Amino acid sequence: MIDFDAMSRRGLLKAAGLTALVAGLPTRTLLAQPAAKAAEPGRALRLAHLTDLHIQKEKRAQEGVAMCLRHVQEHAKPDFILTGGDLVMDTFATPIERSRTLWDILKGTFKNECSLPIENCLGNHDVFGWHKEKAKSTGEEPFFGKRLALENLGLAKPYRAFKRDGWRFIVLDSIFPEGTGYIGRLDDEQMAWLDGELAADRVTPTLVVSHIPIIGMTMLAEDNANKASKLPWNLMHADGLAIHRKFAAAGNVKLCLSGHTHMHDRVELGTPGMPHDGPRVTYICDGAVCGAWWGGRKNNCDEGYGVIDLHADGRFDYRYSTYGWRAEG
């Protein structure tokens, strides 16, 4: 736990004109939204952001993920899916036999229900064995930590960048161990890589995805509201302001997507010391596909996913779509 005053809470909320919408408020149901029959003029591509699937054998989770994927393809009709992590339910503290089963269920569900390209991001529940007592792990297993997830997702590293249709996408790895838990941040190696990636291209409009919000407001909802003076750094990046300053200085980072809190918010943030009309970065935390871990809505945020239209000139349009899921009980 780090003192929020050390980050200048007043500076974070006041400097450079912060606007935030915290979706502990009821979300609009968008089931009836018709998909565009053709790309709008200037639209480069459309993506669907699915985060916090938490696949498991219980609570009809597989059925729910399948229903969401069908809704995405029938209604949103994106060019590809970008996931936000926590694809499976808690391999962090689950023995390897069940962990492998969960990954098999996830891969089988996507194989059977999804015909779209998928780009994945890792979440804390996707990491194997960091809680060694519960996971019955030693730390010496060849699949320990993030390696099990990378193996199942066919990834060489947990962070990367790629370009598509005039946009650059940066996928960050925001999960690092702390005691028997984790913290949201980048390590030195990844931070240096990010610096190089941003410096190499200051023209192409850029979208960043991380599991834990880099900047966000949902951690102030519910039981965290009385902890406003001390932010828990497993709910938001401990280095969020430092990363934001890099994005604002680059000038072409337009949008950052995240999940993790199972609630929806939107923050638009400039940076101290820059002109009033200087670069601003939009941070959107999406609600979870699983809602409250397949137990219903989380703080009035419906089970759903984000739909983002990216335009050739760097603009974007966003909406949150529910998919009609109703939890049992």
Protein backbone atom coordinates (compact mmCIF):
# COMPACT_ATOMS: atom_id res chain seq x y z
CA MET A 1 0.00 0.00 0.00
CA ILE A 2 1.45 3.35 -1.04
CA ASP A 3 0.40 6.76 0.24
CA PHE A 4 -1.66 8.39 -2.48
CA ASP A 5 -0.45 11.80 -1.31
CA ALA A 6 3.01 10.86 -2.55
CA MET A 7 1.51 10.84 -6.04
CA SER A 8 -0.16 14.19 -5.42
CA ARG A 9 -3.78 13.13 -5.34
CA ARG A 10 -4.84 16.71 -5.93
CA GLY A 11 -2.51 16.88 -8.92
CA LEU A 12 -3.86 13.67 -10.39
CA LEU A 13 -7.49 14.80 -10.16
CA LYS A 14 -6.93 18.48 -10.94
CA ALA A 15 -3.88 18.94 -13.14
CA ALA A 16 -4.51 19.10 -16.85
CA GLY A 17 -8.26 18.81 -16.58
CA LEU A 18 -9.34 15.33 -15.54
CA THR A 19 -12.80 14.17 -16.50
CA ALA A 20 -14.02 10.82 -15.27
CA LEU A 21 -17.12 8.69 -15.55
CA VAL A 22 -17.23 5.89 -13.01
CA ALA A 23 -19.61 3.12 -13.96
CA GLY A 24 -20.72 1.98 -10.63
CA LEU A 25 -23.81 3.52 -12.25
CA PRO A 26 -26.25 1.36 -14.20
CA THR A 27 -25.04 0.59 -17.71
CA ARG A 28 -27.18 0.92 -20.81
CA THR A 29 -28.24 -2.28 -22.52
CA LEU A 30 -27.10 -2.21 -26.12
CA LEU A 31 -28.41 -5.54 -27.34
CA ALA A 32 -30.53 -3.98 -30.04
CA GLN A 33 -27.74 -1.87 -31.54
CA PRO A 34 -27.55 -2.72 -35.26
CA ALA A 35 -24.13 -3.36 -36.68
CA ALA A 36 -22.98 -1.17 -39.55
CA LYS A 37 -23.35 -2.84 -42.91
CA ALA A 38 -20.23 -1.17 -44.21
CA ALA A 39 -17.36 0.69 -42.62
CA GLU A 40 -18.14 4.34 -42.01
CA PRO A 41 -16.11 6.83 -44.07
CA GLY A 42 -12.66 7.16 -42.55
CA ARG A 43 -13.04 4.19 -40.22
CA ALA A 44 -9.90 2.09 -40.26
CA LEU A 45 -11.14 -0.87 -38.25
CA ARG A 46 -13.41 -2.02 -35.44
CA LEU A 47 -12.31 -4.13 -32.49
CA ALA A 48 -14.11 -5.75 -29.56
CA HIS A 49 -12.41 -5.56 -26.16
CA LEU A 50 -13.32 -8.61 -24.03
CA THR A 51 -11.82 -8.66 -20.58
CA ASP A 52 -12.15 -10.75 -17.42
CA LEU A 53 -13.73 -13.90 -18.85
CA HIS A 54 -12.73 -15.99 -15.80
CA ILE A 55 -13.46 -19.31 -17.50
CA GLN A 56 -14.18 -22.14 -15.08
CA LYS A 57 -16.14 -25.37 -14.96
CA GLU A 58 -18.72 -23.91 -12.58
CA LYS A 59 -21.44 -21.23 -12.81
CA ARG A 60 -22.08 -21.84 -16.54
CA ALA A 61 -18.96 -19.85 -17.34
CA GLN A 62 -18.25 -21.71 -20.58
CA GLU A 63 -21.83 -21.12 -21.71
CA GLY A 64 -21.52 -17.43 -20.89
CA VAL A 65 -18.26 -16.96 -22.81
CA ALA A 66 -19.75 -18.79 -25.81
CA MET A 67 -22.83 -16.55 -25.68
CA CYS A 68 -20.64 -13.44 -25.55
CA LEU A 69 -18.55 -14.57 -28.53
CA ARG A 70 -21.66 -15.25 -30.58
CA HIS A 71 -23.04 -11.81 -29.68
CA VAL A 72 -19.77 -10.12 -30.66
CA GLN A 73 -19.77 -11.76 -34.08
CA GLU A 74 -23.47 -11.27 -34.79
CA HIS A 75 -23.95 -7.72 -33.48
CA ALA A 76 -20.62 -5.89 -33.17
CA LYS A 77 -18.97 -7.52 -36.21
CA PRO A 78 -15.42 -6.39 -35.34
CA ASP A 79 -12.31 -7.01 -37.39
CA PHE A 80 -10.68 -8.70 -34.42
CA ILE A 81 -10.97 -9.32 -30.68
CA LEU A 82 -8.56 -7.84 -28.16
CA THR A 83 -8.74 -9.52 -24.77
CA GLY A 84 -7.85 -7.77 -21.53
CA GLY A 85 -6.65 -10.67 -19.38
CA ASP A 86 -8.05 -12.89 -16.63
CA LEU A 87 -9.06 -15.36 -19.29
CA VAL A 88 -9.24 -18.24 -16.81
CA MET A 89 -10.28 -18.39 -13.17
CA ASP A 90 -7.36 -18.18 -10.78
CA THR A 91 -4.51 -20.40 -11.93
CA PHE A 92 -2.63 -18.02 -9.61
CA ALA A 93 -3.76 -20.19 -6.69
CA THR A 94 -4.94 -23.40 -8.39
CA PRO A 95 -3.06 -26.72 -8.75
CA ILE A 96 -1.69 -27.50 -12.19
CA GLU A 97 -4.19 -30.23 -13.08
CA ARG A 98 -7.18 -27.91 -12.80
CA SER A 99 -5.22 -25.03 -14.30
CA ARG A 100 -4.53 -27.02 -17.45
CA THR A 101 -8.20 -28.02 -17.61
CA LEU A 102 -9.28 -24.38 -17.50
CA TRP A 103 -6.96 -23.45 -20.34
CA ASP A 104 -8.28 -26.39 -22.37
CA ILE A 105 -11.87 -25.21 -21.79
CA LEU A 106 -10.96 -21.67 -22.84
CA LYS A 107 -9.16 -22.75 -26.01
CA GLY A 108 -11.93 -25.17 -26.93
CA THR A 109 -14.57 -22.49 -26.47
CA PHE A 110 -12.75 -20.02 -28.69
CA LYS A 111 -12.07 -22.70 -31.30
CA ASN A 112 -15.73 -23.73 -31.45
CA GLU A 113 -17.37 -20.32 -31.09
CA CYS A 114 -15.06 -17.71 -32.63
CA SER A 115 -13.96 -17.20 -36.22
CA LEU A 116 -12.26 -13.84 -35.59
CA PRO A 117 -8.54 -13.13 -35.07
CA ILE A 118 -7.69 -12.70 -31.38
CA GLU A 119 -4.89 -10.76 -29.67
CA ASN A 120 -4.45 -11.58 -25.98
CA CYS A 121 -3.27 -9.76 -22.87
CA LEU A 122 -2.42 -11.50 -19.57
CA GLY A 123 -4.17 -10.88 -16.26
CA ASN A 124 -3.30 -11.84 -12.69
CA HIS A 125 -5.60 -14.89 -12.74
CA ASP A 126 -3.73 -16.20 -15.81
CA VAL A 127 -0.44 -16.50 -13.92
CA PHE A 128 0.26 -19.95 -12.52
CA GLY A 129 1.40 -20.76 -9.01
CA TRP A 130 2.49 -17.47 -7.45
CA HIS A 131 0.41 -18.38 -4.39
CA LYS A 132 2.51 -21.49 -3.85
CA GLU A 133 0.58 -22.91 -0.91
CA LYS A 134 -2.78 -22.88 -2.68
CA ALA A 135 -1.40 -23.83 -6.08
CA LYS A 136 0.83 -26.54 -4.59
CA SER A 137 3.69 -25.17 -6.67
CA THR A 138 7.40 -24.94 -5.94
CA GLY A 139 8.43 -22.20 -8.35
CA GLU A 140 10.72 -24.62 -10.16
CA GLU A 141 8.10 -25.93 -12.59
CA PRO A 142 8.88 -25.22 -16.27
CA PHE A 143 5.36 -23.80 -16.60
CA PHE A 144 5.55 -21.63 -13.45
CA GLY A 145 4.35 -18.04 -13.52
CA LYS A 146 3.39 -16.58 -16.88
CA ARG A 147 4.89 -19.41 -18.89
CA LEU A 148 1.78 -21.62 -18.71
CA ALA A 149 -0.37 -18.82 -20.13
CA LEU A 150 2.15 -17.94 -22.83
CA GLU A 151 2.36 -21.59 -23.86
CA ASN A 152 -1.43 -21.88 -24.14
CA LEU A 153 -1.82 -18.59 -25.99
CA GLY A 154 1.10 -19.19 -28.35
CA LEU A 155 2.96 -16.06 -27.24
CA ALA A 156 6.70 -15.59 -26.94
CA LYS A 157 6.48 -12.72 -24.44
CA PRO A 158 3.73 -11.20 -22.29
CA TYR A 159 4.17 -7.76 -23.91
CA ARG A 160 4.49 -6.78 -27.55
CA ALA A 161 3.50 -4.27 -30.25
CA PHE A 162 1.95 -4.73 -33.67
CA LYS A 163 0.40 -2.59 -36.37
CA ARG A 164 -2.86 -3.03 -38.20
CA ASP A 165 -4.73 -0.82 -40.69
CA GLY A 166 -2.87 2.36 -39.82
CA TRP A 167 -2.93 1.91 -36.03
CA ARG A 168 -0.27 0.66 -33.62
CA PHE A 169 -1.27 -1.59 -30.73
CA ILE A 170 0.86 -1.93 -27.60
CA VAL A 171 0.05 -4.85 -25.30
CA LEU A 172 1.53 -4.40 -21.82
CA ASP A 173 2.18 -6.91 -19.04
CA SER A 174 1.05 -5.20 -15.84
CA ILE A 175 1.26 -8.15 -13.42
CA PHE A 176 4.25 -8.63 -11.11
CA PRO A 177 4.58 -10.62 -7.86
CA GLU A 178 4.45 -9.04 -4.43
CA GLY A 179 4.44 -11.44 -1.49
CA THR A 180 1.76 -14.04 -2.14
CA GLY A 181 -0.08 -11.49 -4.28
CA TYR A 182 0.74 -9.12 -7.12
CA ILE A 183 1.22 -5.47 -7.98
CA GLY A 184 0.29 -3.49 -11.09
CA ARG A 185 3.39 -1.97 -12.70
CA LEU A 186 6.01 -2.42 -15.42
CA ASP A 187 9.45 -3.80 -14.66
CA ASP A 188 12.63 -2.06 -15.80
CA GLU A 189 13.03 -4.23 -18.89
CA GLN A 190 9.51 -3.57 -20.12
CA MET A 191 9.70 0.14 -19.31
CA ALA A 192 12.88 0.45 -21.39
CA TRP A 193 11.18 -1.45 -24.23
CA LEU A 194 8.17 0.87 -24.00
CA ASP A 195 10.43 3.94 -24.16
CA GLY A 196 12.04 2.56 -27.31
CA GLU A 197 8.71 1.66 -28.89
CA LEU A 198 7.24 5.12 -28.27
CA ALA A 199 10.39 6.88 -29.51
CA ALA A 200 10.48 4.81 -32.70
CA ASP A 201 7.08 6.06 -33.90
CA ARG A 202 5.50 9.33 -32.83
CA VAL A 203 3.13 9.50 -35.80
CA THR A 204 1.00 6.34 -35.96
CA PRO A 205 -2.12 6.59 -33.74
CA THR A 206 -1.65 4.16 -30.88
CA LEU A 207 -3.92 2.06 -28.67
CA VAL A 208 -2.53 0.50 -25.49
CA VAL A 209 -4.05 -2.43 -23.60
CA SER A 210 -3.15 -3.54 -20.07
CA HIS A 211 -5.00 -5.73 -17.61
CA ILE A 212 -4.71 -3.46 -14.58
CA PRO A 213 -5.78 0.15 -15.27
CA ILE A 214 -2.88 2.53 -15.81
CA ILE A 215 -5.14 5.41 -14.74
CA GLY A 216 -8.68 4.84 -13.47
CA MET A 217 -11.38 5.67 -10.98
CA THR A 218 -13.19 2.39 -10.30
CA MET A 219 -10.89 1.55 -7.40
CA LEU A 220 -12.55 4.39 -5.49
CA ALA A 221 -15.93 2.65 -5.70
CA GLU A 222 -17.51 0.34 -3.12
CA ASP A 223 -15.34 -0.56 -0.15
CA ASN A 224 -12.36 1.33 -1.56
CA ALA A 225 -14.12 4.68 -1.26
CA ASN A 226 -12.91 5.11 2.32
CA LYS A 227 -9.35 4.32 1.28
CA ALA A 228 -8.98 7.31 -1.02
CA SER A 229 -5.82 8.41 0.77
CA LYS A 230 -4.14 5.05 0.24
CA LEU A 231 -4.61 3.39 -3.13
CA PRO A 232 -4.03 -0.38 -3.26
CA TRP A 233 -1.56 -0.95 -6.10
CA ASN A 234 -3.15 -4.22 -7.10
CA LEU A 235 -6.11 -2.19 -8.43
CA MET A 236 -4.23 0.44 -10.45
CA HIS A 237 -0.70 0.79 -11.81
CA ALA A 238 1.70 2.03 -9.15
CA ASP A 239 3.64 3.74 -11.96
CA GLY A 240 0.54 5.02 -13.74
CA LEU A 241 1.42 8.71 -13.73
CA ALA A 242 4.95 8.04 -15.00
CA ILE A 243 3.54 5.95 -17.85
CA HIS A 244 0.91 8.58 -18.61
CA ARG A 245 3.58 11.27 -18.94
CA LYS A 246 5.36 9.09 -21.50
CA PHE A 247 2.14 8.68 -23.47
CA ALA A 248 1.35 12.40 -23.36
CA ALA A 249 4.88 13.30 -24.42
CA ALA A 250 4.72 10.87 -27.35
CA GLY A 251 1.62 12.69 -28.57
CA ASN A 252 0.13 9.81 -30.57
CA VAL A 253 -1.18 7.54 -27.79
CA LYS A 254 -4.93 8.01 -28.16
CA LEU A 255 -6.57 5.31 -26.06
CA CYS A 256 -5.66 2.91 -23.24
CA LEU A 257 -7.94 -0.04 -22.50
CA SER A 258 -7.97 -2.13 -19.32
CA GLY A 259 -10.16 -4.38 -17.20
CA HIS A 260 -9.48 -6.04 -13.83
CA THR A 261 -11.97 -4.12 -11.67
CA HIS A 262 -15.08 -5.59 -13.38
CA MET A 263 -16.49 -2.06 -13.57
CA HIS A 264 -16.54 0.56 -16.29
CA ASP A 265 -15.03 4.03 -16.27
CA ARG A 266 -13.57 6.59 -18.63
CA VAL A 267 -10.87 9.13 -17.77
CA GLU A 268 -9.42 11.80 -20.07
CA LEU A 269 -6.15 13.22 -18.84
CA GLY A 270 -3.69 15.81 -20.06
CA THR A 271 -0.37 16.31 -18.35
CA PRO A 272 0.98 19.00 -15.98
CA GLY A 273 3.09 21.69 -17.62
CA MET A 274 1.72 21.17 -21.12
CA PRO A 275 -0.60 23.57 -22.95
CA HIS A 276 -4.32 23.41 -22.21
CA ASP A 277 -4.94 22.13 -25.74
CA GLY A 278 -1.97 19.74 -25.57
CA PRO A 279 -2.14 15.96 -25.98
CA ARG A 280 -4.73 14.15 -23.88
CA VAL A 281 -4.96 10.41 -23.37
CA THR A 282 -8.25 8.58 -22.85
CA TYR A 283 -8.28 5.68 -20.38
CA ILE A 284 -11.23 3.28 -20.54
CA CYS A 285 -11.70 0.45 -18.06
CA ASP A 286 -14.26 -2.02 -19.41
CA GLY A 287 -16.71 -4.06 -17.43
CA ALA A 288 -16.19 -7.82 -17.27
CA VAL A 289 -17.56 -10.48 -19.57
CA CYS A 290 -18.21 -12.47 -16.36
CA GLY A 291 -19.72 -9.61 -14.36
CA ALA A 292 -19.12 -10.49 -10.71
CA TRP A 293 -17.30 -13.76 -11.48
CA TRP A 294 -20.43 -15.25 -13.09
CA GLY A 295 -22.53 -14.32 -10.06
CA GLY A 296 -24.40 -11.39 -11.58
CA ARG A 297 -23.63 -7.71 -12.12
CA LYS A 298 -20.66 -6.07 -10.42
CA ASN A 299 -21.68 -2.85 -8.70
CA ASN A 300 -24.50 -2.33 -11.23
CA CYS A 301 -22.13 -2.89 -14.17
CA ASP A 302 -23.63 -5.45 -16.55
CA GLU A 303 -21.73 -8.32 -18.12
CA GLY A 304 -20.39 -6.96 -21.41
CA TYR A 305 -17.55 -5.83 -23.65
CA GLY A 306 -16.27 -2.71 -25.38
CA VAL A 307 -16.73 -1.92 -29.07
CA ILE A 308 -14.21 0.53 -30.50
CA ASP A 309 -14.14 2.06 -33.97
CA LEU A 310 -10.71 3.40 -34.87
CA HIS A 311 -10.47 6.08 -37.54
CA ALA A 312 -7.65 6.78 -39.95
CA ASP A 313 -7.08 10.27 -38.52
CA GLY A 314 -6.53 8.97 -34.96
CA ARG A 315 -10.06 9.52 -33.65
CA PHE A 316 -12.04 6.70 -32.07
CA ASP A 317 -15.64 5.95 -31.13
CA TYR A 318 -16.48 3.74 -28.16
CA ARG A 319 -19.54 2.05 -26.70
CA TYR A 320 -20.11 -0.59 -24.05
CA SER A 321 -22.29 -3.50 -25.14
CA THR A 322 -24.07 -6.01 -22.96
CA TYR A 323 -24.85 -9.40 -24.45
CA GLY A 324 -27.93 -10.57 -22.58
CA TRP A 325 -26.38 -12.83 -19.94
CA ARG A 326 -28.39 -13.62 -16.84
CA ALA A 327 -26.66 -15.34 -13.95
CA GLU A 328 -28.44 -18.06 -12.06
CA GLY A 329 -29.64 -17.34 -8.53
